[in-house]
N, C-alpha and C. Protein backbone atom coordinates (compact mmCIF):
# COMPACT_ATOMS: atom_id res chain seq x y z
N MET A 1 -0.58 1.18 46.07
CA MET A 1 0.40 0.19 45.76
C MET A 1 -0.35 -0.64 44.63
N PRO A 2 0.52 -0.66 43.70
CA PRO A 2 0.28 -1.07 42.22
C PRO A 2 0.46 -2.96 42.46
N LEU A 3 -0.43 -3.66 41.93
CA LEU A 3 -0.38 -5.03 42.03
C LEU A 3 0.83 -5.61 41.11
N PRO A 4 1.50 -6.55 41.43
CA PRO A 4 2.62 -7.12 40.44
C PRO A 4 2.03 -7.49 39.44
N ARG A 5 2.73 -7.56 38.14
CA ARG A 5 2.51 -8.11 36.97
C ARG A 5 3.27 -9.29 36.45
N VAL A 6 2.72 -9.93 35.66
CA VAL A 6 3.40 -11.16 35.13
C VAL A 6 3.30 -11.29 33.70
N LEU A 7 4.42 -11.36 32.88
CA LEU A 7 4.60 -11.55 31.79
C LEU A 7 4.77 -13.00 31.33
N VAL A 8 4.01 -13.67 30.47
CA VAL A 8 4.25 -15.17 29.90
C VAL A 8 4.84 -14.95 28.43
N ARG A 9 5.93 -15.44 28.14
CA ARG A 9 6.35 -15.26 27.10
C ARG A 9 6.51 -16.65 26.09
N ASP A 10 6.19 -16.61 24.72
CA ASP A 10 6.42 -17.82 23.82
C ASP A 10 5.57 -18.96 24.11
N LEU A 11 4.19 -18.54 24.28
CA LEU A 11 3.12 -19.32 24.18
C LEU A 11 2.89 -19.72 22.83
N GLU A 12 2.34 -21.00 22.45
CA GLU A 12 2.20 -21.24 21.06
C GLU A 12 0.84 -20.69 20.73
N PRO A 13 0.67 -20.33 19.60
CA PRO A 13 -0.75 -19.67 19.04
C PRO A 13 -1.82 -20.67 19.50
N ALA A 14 -1.62 -22.11 19.40
CA ALA A 14 -2.89 -22.89 19.65
C ALA A 14 -3.19 -22.72 20.98
N VAL A 15 -2.37 -22.58 21.91
CA VAL A 15 -2.69 -22.48 23.29
C VAL A 15 -3.35 -21.15 23.59
N ILE A 16 -2.93 -20.05 22.92
CA ILE A 16 -3.47 -18.60 23.11
C ILE A 16 -5.09 -18.88 22.37
N GLN A 17 -5.36 -19.56 21.29
CA GLN A 17 -6.48 -19.82 20.83
C GLN A 17 -7.57 -20.56 21.76
N ARG A 18 -6.89 -21.49 22.40
CA ARG A 18 -7.96 -22.28 23.22
C ARG A 18 -8.28 -21.52 24.38
N LEU A 19 -7.13 -20.55 24.93
CA LEU A 19 -7.55 -19.83 26.36
C LEU A 19 -8.66 -18.86 25.89
N LYS A 20 -8.55 -18.12 24.53
CA LYS A 20 -9.44 -17.16 24.07
C LYS A 20 -10.93 -17.79 23.95
N LEU A 21 -10.80 -19.09 23.46
CA LEU A 21 -12.36 -19.68 23.51
C LEU A 21 -12.69 -19.99 24.77
N ARG A 22 -12.01 -20.54 25.67
CA ARG A 22 -12.47 -20.69 26.95
C ARG A 22 -13.20 -19.51 27.67
N ALA A 23 -12.22 -18.31 27.47
CA ALA A 23 -12.52 -16.95 27.87
C ALA A 23 -14.11 -16.54 27.54
N GLN A 24 -14.04 -16.90 26.19
CA GLN A 24 -15.33 -16.48 25.51
C GLN A 24 -16.63 -17.26 25.96
N GLN A 25 -16.44 -18.48 26.41
CA GLN A 25 -17.38 -19.59 26.82
C GLN A 25 -17.75 -19.16 28.24
N HIS A 26 -16.98 -18.56 29.02
CA HIS A 26 -17.02 -17.95 30.20
C HIS A 26 -17.81 -16.54 30.43
N LYS A 27 -17.74 -15.98 29.10
CA LYS A 27 -18.12 -14.58 28.94
C LYS A 27 -17.22 -13.35 29.73
N ARG A 28 -15.59 -13.77 29.62
CA ARG A 28 -14.76 -13.10 30.14
C ARG A 28 -13.84 -12.73 29.18
N SER A 29 -12.87 -11.67 29.47
CA SER A 29 -11.87 -11.30 28.53
C SER A 29 -10.76 -12.44 28.92
N LEU A 30 -9.71 -12.32 27.98
CA LEU A 30 -8.77 -13.44 28.04
C LEU A 30 -7.81 -12.97 29.44
N GLU A 31 -7.79 -11.87 29.58
CA GLU A 31 -6.96 -11.41 30.83
C GLU A 31 -7.81 -12.07 32.33
N ALA A 32 -8.99 -11.82 32.22
CA ALA A 32 -9.84 -12.10 33.30
C ALA A 32 -9.75 -13.86 33.31
N GLU A 33 -10.09 -14.35 32.36
CA GLU A 33 -9.92 -16.08 32.56
C GLU A 33 -8.51 -16.28 32.77
N LEU A 34 -7.39 -15.59 32.55
CA LEU A 34 -6.10 -16.23 32.87
C LEU A 34 -6.27 -15.94 34.56
N ARG A 35 -6.52 -14.78 34.93
CA ARG A 35 -6.59 -14.71 36.26
C ARG A 35 -7.41 -15.59 37.06
N VAL A 36 -8.51 -16.30 36.63
CA VAL A 36 -9.17 -17.24 37.14
C VAL A 36 -8.29 -18.47 37.09
N ILE A 37 -7.83 -18.88 36.20
CA ILE A 37 -6.77 -20.00 36.05
C ILE A 37 -5.62 -20.17 36.88
N LEU A 38 -5.08 -18.87 36.92
CA LEU A 38 -3.97 -18.79 37.73
C LEU A 38 -4.35 -18.86 39.09
N ARG A 39 -5.35 -18.19 39.92
CA ARG A 39 -5.90 -18.46 41.16
C ARG A 39 -6.29 -19.64 41.56
N HIS A 40 -6.80 -20.50 40.76
CA HIS A 40 -7.29 -21.71 40.75
C HIS A 40 -6.03 -22.75 40.93
N ALA A 41 -4.97 -22.44 40.09
CA ALA A 41 -3.79 -23.06 40.03
C ALA A 41 -3.13 -23.00 41.30
N ALA A 42 -2.86 -21.83 41.91
CA ALA A 42 -2.24 -21.57 42.92
C ALA A 42 -3.02 -21.64 44.44
N GLY A 43 -4.34 -22.34 44.08
CA GLY A 43 -4.90 -22.77 45.45
C GLY A 43 -5.67 -21.71 46.09
N VAL A 44 -5.82 -20.50 45.44
CA VAL A 44 -6.55 -19.58 46.41
C VAL A 44 -8.08 -19.81 45.99
N ASP A 45 -8.72 -19.59 47.03
CA ASP A 45 -10.31 -19.78 47.32
C ASP A 45 -10.92 -18.60 47.26
N MET A 46 -11.54 -18.37 45.92
CA MET A 46 -12.47 -17.24 45.66
C MET A 46 -13.95 -17.13 46.26
N GLN A 47 -14.17 -18.45 46.48
CA GLN A 47 -15.75 -18.99 47.07
C GLN A 47 -16.16 -17.79 47.99
N PRO A 48 -15.38 -17.37 48.99
CA PRO A 48 -15.97 -16.56 50.05
C PRO A 48 -16.32 -15.27 49.43
N ALA A 49 -15.35 -14.70 48.52
CA ALA A 49 -15.44 -13.49 47.89
C ALA A 49 -16.70 -13.57 46.99
N LEU A 50 -16.91 -14.63 46.26
CA LEU A 50 -18.07 -14.58 45.42
C LEU A 50 -19.34 -14.80 46.06
N GLU A 51 -19.45 -15.57 47.30
CA GLU A 51 -20.55 -15.45 48.18
C GLU A 51 -21.00 -14.10 48.74
N GLU A 52 -19.94 -13.31 48.90
CA GLU A 52 -20.16 -12.03 49.58
C GLU A 52 -20.46 -11.06 48.49
N LEU A 53 -19.93 -11.46 47.06
CA LEU A 53 -20.61 -10.62 46.10
C LEU A 53 -21.99 -10.78 45.64
N LYS A 54 -22.45 -12.23 45.65
CA LYS A 54 -23.67 -12.33 45.53
C LYS A 54 -24.83 -11.76 46.69
N ARG A 55 -24.34 -11.81 47.82
CA ARG A 55 -25.15 -11.19 48.86
C ARG A 55 -25.13 -9.82 48.60
N ILE A 56 -24.36 -9.04 48.20
CA ILE A 56 -24.35 -7.51 47.71
C ILE A 56 -25.24 -7.40 46.66
N GLN A 57 -25.25 -8.09 45.65
CA GLN A 57 -26.01 -8.17 44.47
C GLN A 57 -27.33 -8.56 44.94
N ALA A 58 -27.74 -9.28 45.77
CA ALA A 58 -29.15 -9.40 46.29
C ALA A 58 -29.66 -8.24 47.21
N ASP A 59 -28.69 -7.56 47.85
CA ASP A 59 -29.27 -6.52 48.49
C ASP A 59 -29.83 -5.42 47.66
N PHE A 60 -29.16 -5.22 46.49
CA PHE A 60 -29.53 -4.24 45.62
C PHE A 60 -30.49 -5.15 44.41
N HIS A 61 -30.93 -6.07 44.46
CA HIS A 61 -31.78 -6.59 43.50
C HIS A 61 -32.94 -5.77 43.28
N GLY A 62 -33.57 -5.54 41.96
CA GLY A 62 -34.61 -4.63 42.03
C GLY A 62 -34.63 -3.28 41.92
N ARG A 63 -33.44 -2.51 42.75
CA ARG A 63 -33.39 -1.30 42.92
C ARG A 63 -33.02 -0.69 41.48
N THR A 64 -33.25 0.48 41.16
CA THR A 64 -32.93 1.25 40.32
C THR A 64 -32.58 2.60 40.73
N PHE A 65 -31.29 3.12 40.00
CA PHE A 65 -30.34 4.03 40.31
C PHE A 65 -30.61 5.16 39.18
N SER A 66 -30.48 6.49 39.64
CA SER A 66 -30.51 7.59 38.71
C SER A 66 -29.44 7.71 38.03
N ASP A 67 -29.42 8.33 36.85
CA ASP A 67 -28.22 8.61 36.12
C ASP A 67 -27.52 9.82 36.79
N SER A 68 -26.15 9.66 36.97
CA SER A 68 -25.39 10.49 37.58
C SER A 68 -24.52 11.27 36.75
N THR A 69 -24.74 11.39 35.35
CA THR A 69 -24.08 12.01 34.38
C THR A 69 -24.28 13.56 34.77
N GLU A 70 -25.34 13.97 34.99
CA GLU A 70 -25.64 15.56 35.13
C GLU A 70 -24.84 15.81 36.60
N LEU A 71 -24.85 15.09 37.76
CA LEU A 71 -24.03 15.26 38.84
C LEU A 71 -22.59 15.43 38.52
N ILE A 72 -22.13 14.53 37.78
CA ILE A 72 -20.76 14.77 37.27
C ILE A 72 -20.31 15.69 36.54
N ARG A 73 -21.05 16.24 35.79
CA ARG A 73 -20.99 17.42 34.77
C ARG A 73 -20.79 18.61 35.65
N GLN A 74 -21.83 18.59 36.57
CA GLN A 74 -21.84 19.90 37.38
C GLN A 74 -20.51 19.84 38.51
N ASP A 75 -20.30 18.80 38.87
CA ASP A 75 -18.95 18.71 39.64
C ASP A 75 -17.70 19.04 38.99
N ARG A 76 -17.64 18.58 37.90
CA ARG A 76 -16.34 19.11 36.92
C ARG A 76 -16.38 20.62 36.52
N GLN A 77 -17.68 21.22 36.65
CA GLN A 77 -17.53 22.57 36.36
C GLN A 77 -17.25 23.63 37.51
N ARG A 78 -16.80 22.90 38.84
CA ARG A 78 -16.55 23.79 39.71
C ARG A 78 -15.18 24.11 39.68
């Protein structure tokens, strides 16, 4: 099931520019930055999900994984 989409019209160019700058400062796309802002404004707590993400990252820290390109290529040839 696709997620709902939201369209915001008639934002002033100065607002867009400030949002782009904020996104750049957080190393996110404008769309990702807007998601963060809207979740925060709606009172959605992302902290549990972020903690789980950090736990998963810690589980894989220092591990290296092989390049799967060849496996994908072989699978596509079947």
